[in-house]
N, C-alpha and C. Protein backbone atom coordinates (compact mmCIF):
# COMPACT_ATOMS: atom_id res chain seq x y z
N MET A 1 27.30 31.24 -7.47
CA MET A 1 27.00 32.05 -8.72
C MET A 1 26.28 33.30 -8.45
N ARG A 2 26.77 34.43 -8.52
CA ARG A 2 25.92 35.84 -8.49
C ARG A 2 25.46 36.34 -9.61
N ILE A 3 25.89 35.55 -10.79
CA ILE A 3 25.25 36.08 -12.16
C ILE A 3 24.15 35.09 -12.33
N LYS A 4 22.88 35.65 -13.20
CA LYS A 4 21.81 34.96 -13.61
C LYS A 4 21.71 34.95 -14.91
N LYS A 5 21.57 33.29 -14.99
CA LYS A 5 21.48 33.16 -16.61
C LYS A 5 20.28 32.34 -17.06
N LYS A 6 19.64 32.99 -18.11
CA LYS A 6 18.26 32.24 -18.37
C LYS A 6 18.45 31.83 -20.05
N SER A 7 18.07 30.75 -20.62
CA SER A 7 18.36 30.13 -21.52
C SER A 7 16.92 30.64 -22.62
N HIS A 8 17.38 30.88 -23.59
CA HIS A 8 16.12 31.30 -24.77
C HIS A 8 15.50 30.42 -24.77
N GLU A 9 15.77 28.95 -24.53
CA GLU A 9 14.64 28.01 -24.78
C GLU A 9 13.43 28.18 -23.18
N THR A 10 13.86 28.85 -22.39
CA THR A 10 12.74 29.29 -21.15
C THR A 10 11.59 30.27 -21.59
N PHE A 11 12.20 31.08 -22.63
CA PHE A 11 11.27 32.42 -22.98
C PHE A 11 10.03 32.01 -23.82
N LYS A 12 8.81 31.50 -23.12
CA LYS A 12 7.65 31.48 -24.11
C LYS A 12 7.08 32.45 -24.57
N ARG A 13 6.70 32.18 -25.75
CA ARG A 13 5.96 33.41 -26.86
C ARG A 13 4.49 33.47 -26.08
N GLU A 14 4.06 34.71 -26.02
CA GLU A 14 2.72 34.68 -25.51
C GLU A 14 1.99 36.06 -26.12
N ASP A 15 0.66 36.23 -26.13
CA ASP A 15 0.01 37.15 -26.94
C ASP A 15 0.33 38.50 -26.09
N ALA A 16 0.47 39.45 -26.70
CA ALA A 16 0.62 40.92 -26.15
C ALA A 16 -0.31 42.17 -26.76
N HIS A 17 -0.67 42.83 -26.04
CA HIS A 17 -1.51 44.25 -26.47
C HIS A 17 -2.96 43.38 -26.94
N GLY A 18 -3.63 42.49 -26.00
CA GLY A 18 -4.79 41.88 -26.29
C GLY A 18 -4.79 41.30 -27.60
N GLY A 19 -3.53 40.64 -27.89
CA GLY A 19 -3.42 39.72 -29.14
C GLY A 19 -3.04 40.39 -30.52
N ALA A 20 -2.77 41.83 -30.51
CA ALA A 20 -2.26 42.55 -31.41
C ALA A 20 -1.03 41.99 -32.06
N GLY A 21 -0.24 41.65 -31.12
CA GLY A 21 1.24 41.06 -31.31
C GLY A 21 1.71 39.97 -30.43
N GLY A 22 2.73 39.63 -30.10
CA GLY A 22 3.23 38.77 -29.10
C GLY A 22 4.38 39.21 -28.62
N ARG A 23 4.73 38.44 -27.25
CA ARG A 23 6.07 39.04 -26.76
C ARG A 23 6.69 37.55 -25.92
N LYS A 24 7.93 37.75 -25.68
CA LYS A 24 8.51 36.80 -24.79
C LYS A 24 9.12 37.51 -23.61
N LEU A 25 8.59 37.40 -22.36
CA LEU A 25 9.16 38.03 -21.44
C LEU A 25 10.46 37.51 -20.91
N LEU A 26 11.26 38.49 -21.12
CA LEU A 26 12.86 38.27 -20.75
C LEU A 26 13.18 38.38 -19.20
N LEU A 27 12.57 39.55 -18.56
CA LEU A 27 12.61 40.03 -17.32
C LEU A 27 11.29 40.23 -16.59
N GLY A 28 10.99 39.60 -15.65
CA GLY A 28 9.95 39.96 -15.02
C GLY A 28 9.90 41.24 -13.94
N ASP A 29 8.70 41.40 -13.33
CA ASP A 29 8.44 42.61 -12.29
C ASP A 29 9.34 42.50 -11.26
N ARG A 30 10.36 43.50 -11.37
CA ARG A 30 11.24 43.86 -10.35
C ARG A 30 11.97 42.91 -9.92
N GLU A 31 12.49 42.00 -11.25
CA GLU A 31 13.65 40.95 -11.16
C GLU A 31 14.91 41.92 -11.06
N ILE A 32 14.84 43.26 -11.37
CA ILE A 32 15.95 43.82 -11.47
C ILE A 32 15.35 45.21 -10.65
N ALA A 33 15.84 45.74 -9.82
CA ALA A 33 15.14 46.86 -8.94
C ALA A 33 14.63 47.86 -10.19
N ASN A 34 13.47 48.32 -10.02
CA ASN A 34 12.84 49.61 -11.03
C ASN A 34 12.78 49.13 -12.36
N ILE A 35 12.87 47.53 -12.67
CA ILE A 35 12.39 47.03 -13.90
C ILE A 35 11.12 46.62 -13.78
N GLN A 36 9.97 47.11 -14.45
CA GLN A 36 8.77 46.29 -14.60
C GLN A 36 8.85 45.10 -15.30
N GLY A 37 9.30 45.20 -16.52
CA GLY A 37 9.57 44.16 -17.44
C GLY A 37 10.63 44.25 -18.36
N MET A 38 10.95 43.32 -19.40
CA MET A 38 11.78 43.47 -20.41
C MET A 38 11.36 42.24 -21.26
N THR A 39 10.84 42.61 -22.62
CA THR A 39 10.36 41.95 -23.57
C THR A 39 10.77 41.77 -24.64
N HIS A 40 10.79 40.95 -25.58
CA HIS A 40 11.15 40.65 -26.98
C HIS A 40 9.84 40.46 -27.46
N GLY A 41 9.34 41.73 -28.06
CA GLY A 41 7.94 41.80 -28.97
C GLY A 41 7.89 41.74 -30.47
N PHE A 42 6.73 41.18 -30.63
CA PHE A 42 6.55 40.73 -32.12
C PHE A 42 5.50 41.51 -32.67
N LEU A 43 5.45 41.98 -33.71
CA LEU A 43 4.40 42.63 -34.26
C LEU A 43 4.10 42.08 -35.82
N PRO A 44 3.10 41.43 -35.97
CA PRO A 44 2.58 40.97 -37.41
C PRO A 44 2.49 42.06 -38.48
N GLY A 45 2.89 41.71 -39.76
CA GLY A 45 2.49 42.54 -41.05
C GLY A 45 1.23 43.13 -40.74
N GLY A 46 1.05 44.46 -40.82
CA GLY A 46 -0.21 45.14 -41.11
C GLY A 46 -0.62 45.44 -39.53
N GLY A 47 0.26 45.06 -38.49
CA GLY A 47 -0.44 44.99 -37.17
C GLY A 47 0.00 46.42 -36.29
N LYS A 48 -0.83 46.56 -35.30
CA LYS A 48 -0.51 47.90 -34.47
C LYS A 48 -0.92 47.55 -33.10
N PHE A 49 0.29 48.36 -32.43
CA PHE A 49 0.17 48.24 -30.93
C PHE A 49 -0.60 49.63 -30.79
N ALA A 50 -2.27 49.49 -30.85
CA ALA A 50 -2.79 50.99 -30.51
C ALA A 50 -2.52 51.78 -29.65
N LEU A 51 -2.84 52.68 -29.63
CA LEU A 51 -2.54 53.92 -28.61
C LEU A 51 -2.64 53.68 -27.39
N HIS A 52 -1.87 53.82 -26.73
CA HIS A 52 -1.75 53.46 -25.07
C HIS A 52 -0.47 54.07 -24.30
N SER A 53 -0.38 54.02 -23.11
CA SER A 53 0.52 54.50 -22.38
C SER A 53 0.61 53.61 -21.12
N HIS A 54 2.02 53.84 -20.46
CA HIS A 54 2.27 53.23 -19.41
C HIS A 54 2.24 54.13 -18.03
N GLU A 55 1.19 53.81 -17.54
CA GLU A 55 1.22 54.69 -15.94
C GLU A 55 2.22 54.33 -15.30
N GLY A 56 2.97 55.34 -14.83
CA GLY A 56 4.02 55.44 -13.44
C GLY A 56 5.36 54.81 -14.15
N MET A 57 5.61 54.54 -15.60
CA MET A 57 6.86 54.25 -15.83
C MET A 57 7.16 54.39 -17.09
N ASN A 58 8.34 54.40 -17.38
CA ASN A 58 9.04 55.19 -18.72
C ASN A 58 9.09 53.46 -19.45
N GLU A 59 9.04 53.78 -20.91
CA GLU A 59 9.59 52.66 -21.67
C GLU A 59 10.38 52.76 -22.79
N ALA A 60 11.50 52.05 -22.94
CA ALA A 60 12.50 51.90 -23.95
C ALA A 60 12.01 50.87 -25.15
N MET A 61 12.28 51.43 -26.39
CA MET A 61 12.01 50.43 -27.27
C MET A 61 13.12 50.34 -28.50
N TYR A 62 13.53 49.25 -28.66
CA TYR A 62 14.89 48.95 -29.49
C TYR A 62 14.43 48.31 -30.57
N VAL A 63 14.35 48.69 -31.95
CA VAL A 63 13.90 48.08 -32.98
C VAL A 63 14.97 46.90 -33.40
N LEU A 64 14.66 45.62 -33.55
CA LEU A 64 15.53 44.94 -34.04
C LEU A 64 15.09 44.48 -35.59
N LYS A 65 13.98 44.53 -35.71
CA LYS A 65 13.65 44.10 -37.60
C LYS A 65 12.40 44.71 -37.83
N GLY A 66 12.59 45.55 -39.12
CA GLY A 66 11.50 45.89 -39.66
C GLY A 66 11.48 47.55 -39.76
N HIS A 67 10.76 48.20 -40.80
CA HIS A 67 10.30 49.58 -41.03
C HIS A 67 9.02 49.92 -40.64
N GLY A 68 8.76 50.67 -39.68
CA GLY A 68 7.46 51.35 -39.68
C GLY A 68 7.12 52.73 -38.88
N VAL A 69 6.19 52.76 -38.37
CA VAL A 69 5.91 54.43 -37.59
C VAL A 69 5.67 54.17 -36.19
N VAL A 70 6.06 55.29 -35.55
CA VAL A 70 5.60 55.34 -33.97
C VAL A 70 5.00 56.62 -34.05
N ARG A 71 3.73 56.82 -33.33
CA ARG A 71 3.09 58.19 -33.33
C ARG A 71 2.74 58.36 -31.88
N ASP A 72 3.04 59.76 -31.61
CA ASP A 72 2.37 60.33 -30.43
C ASP A 72 1.36 61.73 -30.74
N GLU A 73 1.15 62.04 -29.82
CA GLU A 73 0.31 63.30 -30.16
C GLU A 73 0.93 64.40 -30.70
N ASP A 74 2.08 64.51 -30.89
CA ASP A 74 3.00 65.45 -31.60
C ASP A 74 3.33 65.15 -32.99
N GLY A 75 3.26 63.86 -33.47
CA GLY A 75 3.54 63.47 -34.76
C GLY A 75 3.64 62.02 -35.03
N GLU A 76 4.46 61.89 -36.17
CA GLU A 76 4.98 60.49 -36.71
C GLU A 76 6.50 60.31 -36.64
N TYR A 77 6.79 59.10 -36.26
CA TYR A 77 8.34 59.00 -36.66
C TYR A 77 8.61 57.68 -37.22
N PRO A 78 9.31 57.52 -38.38
CA PRO A 78 9.55 56.43 -38.84
C PRO A 78 10.59 55.60 -37.99
N TYR A 79 10.54 54.22 -38.14
CA TYR A 79 11.49 53.53 -37.39
C TYR A 79 12.21 52.36 -38.20
N ALA A 80 13.41 52.04 -37.99
CA ALA A 80 14.18 50.97 -38.45
C ALA A 80 15.17 50.00 -37.45
N PRO A 81 15.77 49.06 -38.12
CA PRO A 81 16.70 48.43 -37.28
C PRO A 81 17.76 49.06 -36.47
N GLY A 82 17.64 49.36 -35.31
CA GLY A 82 18.76 49.91 -34.66
C GLY A 82 18.33 51.33 -33.83
N ASP A 83 17.03 51.64 -34.39
CA ASP A 83 16.67 52.67 -33.79
C ASP A 83 16.09 52.60 -32.37
N LEU A 84 16.10 53.44 -31.43
CA LEU A 84 15.95 53.53 -29.83
C LEU A 84 14.59 54.45 -29.64
N PHE A 85 13.77 54.28 -29.14
CA PHE A 85 12.62 55.23 -28.86
C PHE A 85 12.39 55.07 -27.03
N VAL A 86 12.56 56.28 -26.48
CA VAL A 86 12.07 56.36 -25.12
C VAL A 86 10.68 56.95 -25.09
N PHE A 87 9.92 56.40 -24.26
CA PHE A 87 8.48 56.82 -23.94
C PHE A 87 8.31 57.18 -22.76
N GLU A 88 8.23 58.42 -22.18
CA GLU A 88 8.19 59.06 -21.17
C GLU A 88 6.89 58.45 -20.13
N LYS A 89 6.91 58.27 -19.04
CA LYS A 89 5.45 57.88 -18.34
C LYS A 89 4.32 58.77 -18.90
N ASN A 90 3.15 58.05 -18.95
CA ASN A 90 2.02 58.38 -19.02
C ASN A 90 1.88 58.93 -20.86
N ILE A 91 2.91 58.82 -21.31
CA ILE A 91 2.66 59.30 -22.82
C ILE A 91 2.02 58.48 -23.94
N LEU A 92 0.95 58.94 -24.49
CA LEU A 92 0.24 57.90 -25.41
C LEU A 92 1.11 57.85 -26.77
N HIS A 93 1.15 56.52 -27.09
CA HIS A 93 2.04 56.31 -28.36
C HIS A 93 1.33 55.08 -28.90
N GLU A 94 1.70 54.98 -30.19
CA GLU A 94 1.43 53.61 -30.66
C GLU A 94 2.41 53.20 -31.99
N ILE A 95 2.54 51.94 -32.06
CA ILE A 95 3.35 51.34 -32.89
C ILE A 95 2.76 50.71 -34.23
N GLU A 96 3.07 50.88 -35.54
CA GLU A 96 2.62 50.30 -36.32
C GLU A 96 3.37 49.73 -37.47
N ASN A 97 3.33 48.60 -37.94
CA ASN A 97 3.90 47.74 -38.91
C ASN A 97 3.01 47.88 -40.22
N SER A 98 3.43 48.68 -41.00
CA SER A 98 2.53 48.81 -42.47
C SER A 98 3.07 48.06 -43.28
N SER A 99 4.10 46.96 -43.14
CA SER A 99 4.61 46.07 -44.30
C SER A 99 3.92 44.62 -43.90
N SER A 100 4.02 43.70 -44.48
CA SER A 100 3.70 42.31 -44.88
C SER A 100 4.55 41.43 -43.85
N GLU A 101 5.62 42.04 -43.29
CA GLU A 101 6.29 40.91 -42.45
C GLU A 101 6.55 41.03 -40.74
N GLU A 102 6.60 40.21 -40.20
CA GLU A 102 6.79 40.57 -38.71
C GLU A 102 7.76 41.46 -38.38
N HIS A 103 7.53 42.21 -37.49
CA HIS A 103 8.61 43.14 -37.09
C HIS A 103 8.97 42.55 -35.29
N GLU A 104 10.16 43.10 -35.17
CA GLU A 104 10.68 42.56 -33.49
C GLU A 104 11.52 43.74 -33.08
N TYR A 105 11.13 43.75 -31.63
CA TYR A 105 11.63 44.53 -30.77
C TYR A 105 12.08 44.05 -29.58
N ILE A 106 12.69 45.16 -28.77
CA ILE A 106 13.05 45.00 -27.42
C ILE A 106 12.41 45.91 -26.39
N PHE A 107 11.45 45.62 -25.50
CA PHE A 107 10.93 46.73 -24.77
C PHE A 107 11.21 46.69 -23.63
N VAL A 108 11.76 47.67 -22.60
CA VAL A 108 12.12 47.61 -21.41
C VAL A 108 11.30 48.53 -20.57
N ARG A 109 10.35 48.51 -19.69
CA ARG A 109 9.46 49.30 -18.81
C ARG A 109 10.23 49.45 -17.59
N ILE A 110 10.41 50.71 -17.29
CA ILE A 110 11.05 51.37 -16.07
C ILE A 110 10.27 52.11 -15.04
N TYR A 111 10.33 51.58 -13.94
CA TYR A 111 9.21 52.27 -12.73
C TYR A 111 10.07 53.75 -12.54
N GLU A 112 9.18 54.84 -12.30
CA GLU A 112 9.86 56.24 -11.73
C GLU A 112 10.51 55.99 -10.29
């Protein structure tokens, strides 16, 4: 079989961004060429993934649940379910959940 299947039972939740939120690692480093990782991210109500960047890799964020704000040095961008953000390598950004409910995202980090 050339297709790899992973069951949702194997994805364990762990802390992310120093405990600011959580994640489930869906794809590990270079499990697929040029992919550093793919995660199902969780951000609790009132939480923030503080200003950070990803050195040498681009990141895509797909919003599954919640309404909040993404910030970079140029401004603020509201998000809602179904929105997709692309953060180019080395770009400082933060994600804030200003609601009282946990938000969910899919993140994919791609090497240049």
